[in-house]
């Protein structure tokens, strides 16, 4: 399913589609950010470079197990595994850990872009907080 089709179709996006979007956008953002790091290192801006490297690491941490979600031959199993991964990555919205929250916010923003309705994956109190 193409990215343009995903963006134009707000309903009916599967968890598998959402995982594919996370992987694609993660790889694109990592690649782009490495160019920023290179430019900043040439200018000897180490502080900013380190911040970008941490962001790259966070995105890589989110994406590195996602391809396995799509490895099953059975559609139902792929969907179940994709849902479990999304729940896992959104868990940071529940806790006060800044590292988990940063990753969860990154995932949430990408899922919003893709049109995937992740709210049912969240606890009631988090859902209520996000809807207000």
N, C-alpha and C. Protein backbone atom coordinates (compact mmCIF):
# COMPACT_ATOMS: atom_id res chain seq x y z
N UNK A 1 0.85 -1.17 0.00
CA UNK A 1 0.00 0.00 0.00
C UNK A 1 0.90 1.24 0.00
N UNK A 2 0.67 2.14 -0.93
CA UNK A 2 1.50 3.32 -1.04
C UNK A 2 1.22 4.35 0.04
N UNK A 3 2.23 5.17 0.31
CA UNK A 3 2.13 6.19 1.35
C UNK A 3 1.00 7.17 1.05
N UNK A 4 0.86 7.59 -0.21
CA UNK A 4 -0.20 8.55 -0.55
C UNK A 4 -1.58 7.93 -0.29
N UNK A 5 -1.74 6.67 -0.62
CA UNK A 5 -3.02 6.01 -0.36
C UNK A 5 -3.29 5.94 1.13
N UNK A 6 -2.25 5.64 1.91
CA UNK A 6 -2.42 5.59 3.37
C UNK A 6 -2.86 6.95 3.90
N UNK A 7 -2.24 8.01 3.43
CA UNK A 7 -2.57 9.34 3.94
C UNK A 7 -3.98 9.75 3.54
N UNK A 8 -4.46 9.30 2.39
CA UNK A 8 -5.78 9.72 1.94
C UNK A 8 -6.89 8.85 2.53
N UNK A 9 -6.52 7.71 3.12
CA UNK A 9 -7.52 6.79 3.66
C UNK A 9 -7.39 6.75 5.18
N UNK A 10 -8.12 7.59 5.86
CA UNK A 10 -7.98 7.73 7.31
C UNK A 10 -8.56 6.56 8.09
N UNK A 11 -9.48 5.82 7.53
CA UNK A 11 -10.08 4.70 8.27
C UNK A 11 -9.58 3.39 7.67
N UNK A 12 -9.53 2.36 8.49
CA UNK A 12 -9.20 1.05 7.98
C UNK A 12 -7.73 0.74 7.83
N UNK A 13 -6.87 1.52 8.42
CA UNK A 13 -5.44 1.25 8.36
C UNK A 13 -5.14 0.15 9.37
N UNK A 14 -4.54 -0.94 8.91
CA UNK A 14 -4.25 -2.07 9.80
C UNK A 14 -3.00 -1.79 10.62
N UNK A 15 -2.81 -2.57 11.66
CA UNK A 15 -1.59 -2.47 12.47
C UNK A 15 -0.37 -2.80 11.62
N UNK A 16 -0.53 -3.75 10.69
CA UNK A 16 0.58 -4.08 9.79
C UNK A 16 0.96 -2.87 8.94
N UNK A 17 -0.04 -2.17 8.43
CA UNK A 17 0.23 -0.95 7.66
C UNK A 17 0.96 0.06 8.53
N UNK A 18 0.50 0.20 9.76
CA UNK A 18 1.12 1.16 10.68
C UNK A 18 2.58 0.80 10.95
N UNK A 19 2.87 -0.48 11.12
CA UNK A 19 4.25 -0.93 11.34
C UNK A 19 5.10 -0.62 10.11
N UNK A 20 4.55 -0.86 8.93
CA UNK A 20 5.29 -0.55 7.70
C UNK A 20 5.61 0.94 7.62
N UNK A 21 4.64 1.77 7.99
CA UNK A 21 4.86 3.22 7.97
C UNK A 21 5.95 3.60 8.98
N UNK A 22 5.89 3.03 10.19
CA UNK A 22 6.92 3.33 11.19
C UNK A 22 8.31 2.98 10.66
N UNK A 23 8.44 1.81 10.05
CA UNK A 23 9.74 1.41 9.52
C UNK A 23 10.19 2.36 8.42
N UNK A 24 9.32 2.64 7.48
CA UNK A 24 9.70 3.51 6.36
C UNK A 24 10.09 4.91 6.84
N UNK A 25 9.26 5.50 7.69
CA UNK A 25 9.56 6.85 8.16
C UNK A 25 10.77 6.86 9.09
N UNK A 26 10.94 5.79 9.86
CA UNK A 26 12.12 5.69 10.72
C UNK A 26 13.39 5.65 9.91
N UNK A 27 13.42 4.84 8.86
CA UNK A 27 14.61 4.74 8.03
C UNK A 27 14.90 6.07 7.34
N UNK A 28 13.87 6.74 6.87
CA UNK A 28 14.04 8.04 6.20
C UNK A 28 14.60 9.06 7.19
N UNK A 29 14.03 9.11 8.39
CA UNK A 29 14.48 10.09 9.38
C UNK A 29 15.91 9.80 9.83
N UNK A 30 16.24 8.54 10.01
CA UNK A 30 17.62 8.19 10.38
C UNK A 30 18.58 8.65 9.29
N UNK A 31 18.26 8.36 8.05
CA UNK A 31 19.15 8.75 6.95
C UNK A 31 19.31 10.27 6.88
N UNK A 32 18.21 10.99 6.99
CA UNK A 32 18.28 12.46 6.96
C UNK A 32 19.11 12.99 8.13
N UNK A 33 18.89 12.44 9.30
CA UNK A 33 19.57 12.93 10.50
C UNK A 33 21.07 12.67 10.43
N UNK A 34 21.48 11.58 9.78
CA UNK A 34 22.92 11.34 9.65
C UNK A 34 23.59 12.43 8.83
N UNK A 35 22.87 13.01 7.88
CA UNK A 35 23.43 14.13 7.12
C UNK A 35 23.61 15.35 8.02
N UNK A 36 22.66 15.57 8.92
CA UNK A 36 22.81 16.69 9.87
C UNK A 36 24.01 16.48 10.77
N UNK A 37 24.17 15.24 11.25
CA UNK A 37 25.31 14.94 12.12
C UNK A 37 26.62 15.20 11.39
N UNK A 38 26.73 14.72 10.18
CA UNK A 38 27.96 14.93 9.40
C UNK A 38 28.27 16.41 9.25
N UNK A 39 27.25 17.19 8.90
CA UNK A 39 27.46 18.63 8.71
C UNK A 39 27.89 19.30 10.02
N UNK A 40 27.25 18.91 11.12
CA UNK A 40 27.59 19.51 12.40
C UNK A 40 28.98 19.09 12.88
N UNK A 41 29.36 17.87 12.61
CA UNK A 41 30.71 17.43 12.99
C UNK A 41 31.79 18.15 12.19
N UNK A 42 31.49 18.42 10.93
CA UNK A 42 32.43 19.21 10.12
C UNK A 42 32.60 20.61 10.69
N UNK A 43 31.52 21.13 11.27
CA UNK A 43 31.58 22.44 11.91
C UNK A 43 31.95 22.35 13.38
N UNK A 44 32.28 21.17 13.84
CA UNK A 44 32.69 20.90 15.22
C UNK A 44 31.62 21.24 16.25
N UNK A 45 30.37 21.06 15.88
CA UNK A 45 29.26 21.27 16.80
C UNK A 45 28.91 19.93 17.46
N UNK A 46 29.66 19.56 18.47
CA UNK A 46 29.52 18.25 19.09
C UNK A 46 28.23 18.11 19.88
N UNK A 47 27.81 19.13 20.59
CA UNK A 47 26.61 19.03 21.41
C UNK A 47 25.38 18.71 20.56
N UNK A 48 25.20 19.43 19.49
CA UNK A 48 24.05 19.20 18.61
C UNK A 48 24.16 17.83 17.94
N UNK A 49 25.38 17.46 17.55
CA UNK A 49 25.59 16.14 16.94
C UNK A 49 25.20 15.02 17.88
N UNK A 50 25.58 15.14 19.13
CA UNK A 50 25.24 14.11 20.11
C UNK A 50 23.72 13.99 20.30
N UNK A 51 23.03 15.11 20.27
CA UNK A 51 21.57 15.09 20.36
C UNK A 51 20.94 14.36 19.18
N UNK A 52 21.47 14.62 17.99
CA UNK A 52 20.97 13.93 16.80
C UNK A 52 21.29 12.43 16.86
N UNK A 53 22.45 12.09 17.35
CA UNK A 53 22.82 10.67 17.46
C UNK A 53 21.88 9.97 18.44
N UNK A 54 21.52 10.62 19.53
CA UNK A 54 20.56 10.04 20.48
C UNK A 54 19.20 9.83 19.81
N UNK A 55 18.79 10.77 18.98
CA UNK A 55 17.50 10.62 18.28
C UNK A 55 17.57 9.44 17.31
N UNK A 56 18.68 9.31 16.59
CA UNK A 56 18.86 8.18 15.68
C UNK A 56 18.77 6.88 16.46
N UNK A 57 19.42 6.83 17.60
CA UNK A 57 19.41 5.62 18.43
C UNK A 57 17.99 5.29 18.89
N UNK A 58 17.23 6.31 19.29
CA UNK A 58 15.86 6.10 19.75
C UNK A 58 15.00 5.53 18.62
N UNK A 59 15.11 6.10 17.43
CA UNK A 59 14.32 5.62 16.30
C UNK A 59 14.73 4.20 15.93
N UNK A 60 16.04 3.94 15.93
CA UNK A 60 16.51 2.58 15.63
C UNK A 60 16.00 1.59 16.66
N UNK A 61 15.97 1.98 17.93
CA UNK A 61 15.43 1.10 18.98
C UNK A 61 13.96 0.77 18.71
N UNK A 62 13.20 1.76 18.29
CA UNK A 62 11.78 1.53 18.00
C UNK A 62 11.64 0.57 16.81
N UNK A 63 12.43 0.77 15.78
CA UNK A 63 12.22 0.05 14.52
C UNK A 63 12.89 -1.31 14.43
N UNK A 64 13.87 -1.61 15.26
CA UNK A 64 14.70 -2.78 14.98
C UNK A 64 13.97 -4.12 15.06
N UNK A 65 12.92 -4.27 15.83
CA UNK A 65 12.18 -5.53 15.89
C UNK A 65 10.93 -5.54 15.00
N UNK A 66 10.59 -4.41 14.42
CA UNK A 66 9.36 -4.34 13.64
C UNK A 66 9.33 -5.26 12.42
N UNK A 67 10.44 -5.46 11.68
CA UNK A 67 10.36 -6.37 10.53
C UNK A 67 9.89 -7.78 10.92
N UNK A 68 10.23 -8.23 12.10
CA UNK A 68 9.80 -9.55 12.55
C UNK A 68 8.30 -9.67 12.70
N UNK A 69 7.62 -8.55 12.94
CA UNK A 69 6.16 -8.57 13.05
C UNK A 69 5.50 -9.00 11.75
N UNK A 70 6.19 -8.78 10.65
CA UNK A 70 5.60 -9.04 9.34
C UNK A 70 6.11 -10.35 8.73
N UNK A 71 6.85 -11.14 9.49
CA UNK A 71 7.49 -12.32 8.93
C UNK A 71 6.58 -13.55 8.85
N UNK A 72 5.50 -13.59 9.58
CA UNK A 72 4.61 -14.74 9.56
C UNK A 72 3.90 -14.86 8.21
N UNK A 73 3.62 -16.08 7.83
CA UNK A 73 2.88 -16.30 6.58
C UNK A 73 1.38 -16.03 6.77
N UNK A 74 0.91 -16.06 8.00
CA UNK A 74 -0.51 -15.88 8.27
C UNK A 74 -0.82 -14.42 8.60
N UNK A 75 -1.80 -13.88 7.92
CA UNK A 75 -2.18 -12.48 8.09
C UNK A 75 -2.60 -12.18 9.53
N UNK A 76 -3.40 -13.06 10.12
CA UNK A 76 -3.89 -12.84 11.48
C UNK A 76 -2.72 -12.76 12.48
N UNK A 77 -1.72 -13.60 12.30
CA UNK A 77 -0.54 -13.59 13.19
C UNK A 77 0.28 -12.31 12.98
N UNK A 78 0.43 -11.89 11.74
CA UNK A 78 1.15 -10.63 11.47
C UNK A 78 0.44 -9.46 12.15
N UNK A 79 -0.89 -9.45 12.04
CA UNK A 79 -1.66 -8.35 12.65
C UNK A 79 -1.54 -8.38 14.18
N UNK A 80 -1.62 -9.57 14.77
CA UNK A 80 -1.50 -9.69 16.22
C UNK A 80 -0.13 -9.21 16.69
N UNK A 81 0.92 -9.62 16.00
CA UNK A 81 2.27 -9.21 16.39
C UNK A 81 2.47 -7.71 16.21
N UNK A 82 1.90 -7.15 15.16
CA UNK A 82 2.00 -5.71 14.92
C UNK A 82 1.29 -4.93 16.02
N UNK A 83 0.11 -5.39 16.43
CA UNK A 83 -0.64 -4.74 17.52
C UNK A 83 0.18 -4.78 18.81
N UNK A 84 0.77 -5.93 19.11
CA UNK A 84 1.58 -6.06 20.33
C UNK A 84 2.77 -5.10 20.30
N UNK A 85 3.42 -4.97 19.17
CA UNK A 85 4.54 -4.03 19.06
C UNK A 85 4.09 -2.59 19.26
N UNK A 86 2.97 -2.24 18.66
CA UNK A 86 2.46 -0.88 18.83
C UNK A 86 2.13 -0.59 20.28
N UNK A 87 1.49 -1.54 20.95
CA UNK A 87 1.20 -1.38 22.38
C UNK A 87 2.49 -1.17 23.16
N UNK A 88 3.48 -1.99 22.85
CA UNK A 88 4.77 -1.90 23.55
C UNK A 88 5.40 -0.52 23.37
N UNK A 89 5.39 -0.02 22.16
CA UNK A 89 6.05 1.26 21.89
C UNK A 89 5.24 2.46 22.40
N UNK A 90 3.95 2.29 22.57
CA UNK A 90 3.11 3.37 23.10
C UNK A 90 3.06 3.37 24.63
N UNK A 91 3.67 2.39 25.27
CA UNK A 91 3.64 2.28 26.73
C UNK A 91 4.24 3.52 27.41
N UNK A 92 5.12 4.19 26.74
CA UNK A 92 5.74 5.38 27.30
C UNK A 92 4.76 6.51 27.57
N UNK A 93 3.59 6.46 26.97
CA UNK A 93 2.56 7.46 27.24
C UNK A 93 1.97 7.27 28.63
N UNK A 94 2.18 6.10 29.20
CA UNK A 94 1.63 5.76 30.52
C UNK A 94 2.57 6.12 31.66
N UNK A 95 3.86 6.19 31.40
CA UNK A 95 4.85 6.33 32.46
C UNK A 95 5.54 7.68 32.40
N UNK A 96 6.31 7.96 33.44
CA UNK A 96 7.02 9.23 33.52
C UNK A 96 8.47 9.14 33.08
N UNK A 97 8.85 8.05 32.43
CA UNK A 97 10.22 7.89 31.96
C UNK A 97 10.41 8.71 30.68
N UNK A 98 11.28 9.74 30.71
CA UNK A 98 11.45 10.60 29.54
C UNK A 98 11.88 9.85 28.28
N UNK A 99 12.74 8.84 28.42
CA UNK A 99 13.20 8.10 27.24
C UNK A 99 12.04 7.33 26.60
N UNK A 100 11.24 6.65 27.42
CA UNK A 100 10.08 5.93 26.88
C UNK A 100 9.06 6.90 26.30
N UNK A 101 8.89 8.05 26.95
CA UNK A 101 7.92 9.03 26.47
C UNK A 101 8.35 9.59 25.12
N UNK A 102 9.64 9.86 24.94
CA UNK A 102 10.12 10.40 23.67
C UNK A 102 9.85 9.41 22.54
N UNK A 103 10.15 8.15 22.76
CA UNK A 103 9.89 7.13 21.74
C UNK A 103 8.39 7.00 21.48
N UNK A 104 7.60 6.99 22.54
CA UNK A 104 6.14 6.86 22.38
C UNK A 104 5.56 8.05 21.62
N UNK A 105 6.08 9.24 21.89
CA UNK A 105 5.60 10.43 21.17
C UNK A 105 5.98 10.36 19.70
N UNK A 106 7.18 9.84 19.41
CA UNK A 106 7.60 9.68 18.02
C UNK A 106 6.66 8.70 17.31
N UNK A 107 6.38 7.56 17.95
CA UNK A 107 5.48 6.56 17.38
C UNK A 107 4.09 7.16 17.20
N UNK A 108 3.61 7.83 18.21
CA UNK A 108 2.26 8.43 18.17
C UNK A 108 2.13 9.40 16.99
N UNK A 109 3.13 10.26 16.81
CA UNK A 109 3.06 11.24 15.72
C UNK A 109 3.04 10.54 14.36
N UNK A 110 3.83 9.49 14.20
CA UNK A 110 3.84 8.75 12.93
C UNK A 110 2.52 8.01 12.71
N UNK A 111 1.95 7.47 13.77
CA UNK A 111 0.66 6.78 13.63
C UNK A 111 -0.45 7.78 13.29
N UNK A 112 -0.39 8.97 13.88
CA UNK A 112 -1.36 10.01 13.52
C UNK A 112 -1.26 10.34 12.03
N UNK A 113 -0.02 10.45 11.53
CA UNK A 113 0.19 10.74 10.11
C UNK A 113 -0.37 9.64 9.21
N UNK A 114 -0.27 8.40 9.66
CA UNK A 114 -0.71 7.27 8.83
C UNK A 114 -2.22 7.04 8.90
N UNK A 115 -2.87 7.60 9.92
CA UNK A 115 -4.31 7.40 10.08
C UNK A 115 -4.66 6.18 10.91
N UNK A 116 -3.67 5.56 11.54
CA UNK A 116 -3.95 4.38 12.35
C UNK A 116 -4.56 4.80 13.69
N UNK A 117 -5.68 4.20 14.04
CA UNK A 117 -6.37 4.51 15.30
C UNK A 117 -5.77 3.67 16.43
N UNK A 118 -4.82 4.24 17.13
CA UNK A 118 -4.11 3.53 18.21
C UNK A 118 -4.78 3.72 19.56
N UNK A 119 -5.76 4.58 19.67
CA UNK A 119 -6.39 4.86 20.97
C UNK A 119 -6.92 3.60 21.65
N UNK A 120 -7.51 2.64 20.94
CA UNK A 120 -7.97 1.43 21.62
C UNK A 120 -6.84 0.61 22.27
N UNK A 121 -5.60 0.86 21.88
CA UNK A 121 -4.47 0.14 22.46
C UNK A 121 -4.03 0.72 23.80
N UNK A 122 -4.55 1.88 24.15
CA UNK A 122 -4.12 2.59 25.36
C UNK A 122 -5.10 2.35 26.50
N UNK A 123 -4.60 2.56 27.71
CA UNK A 123 -5.48 2.46 28.87
C UNK A 123 -6.48 3.62 28.84
N UNK A 124 -7.55 3.44 29.59
CA UNK A 124 -8.62 4.44 29.60
C UNK A 124 -8.14 5.83 30.02
N UNK A 125 -7.30 5.89 31.07
CA UNK A 125 -6.88 7.21 31.55
C UNK A 125 -5.96 7.91 30.56
N UNK A 126 -5.13 7.17 29.85
CA UNK A 126 -4.27 7.79 28.83
C UNK A 126 -5.12 8.23 27.65
N UNK A 127 -6.05 7.40 27.24
CA UNK A 127 -6.95 7.75 26.15
C UNK A 127 -7.70 9.05 26.46
N UNK A 128 -8.22 9.15 27.69
CA UNK A 128 -8.96 10.34 28.09
C UNK A 128 -8.06 11.57 28.07
N UNK A 129 -6.84 11.42 28.55
CA UNK A 129 -5.88 12.54 28.58
C UNK A 129 -5.54 13.00 27.16
N UNK A 130 -5.39 12.08 26.22
CA UNK A 130 -5.02 12.44 24.86
C UNK A 130 -6.17 13.03 24.07
N UNK A 131 -7.38 12.69 24.44
CA UNK A 131 -8.54 13.19 23.69
C UNK A 131 -8.95 14.58 24.12
N UNK A 132 -8.36 15.10 25.20
CA UNK A 132 -8.73 16.44 25.67
C UNK A 132 -7.73 17.45 25.30
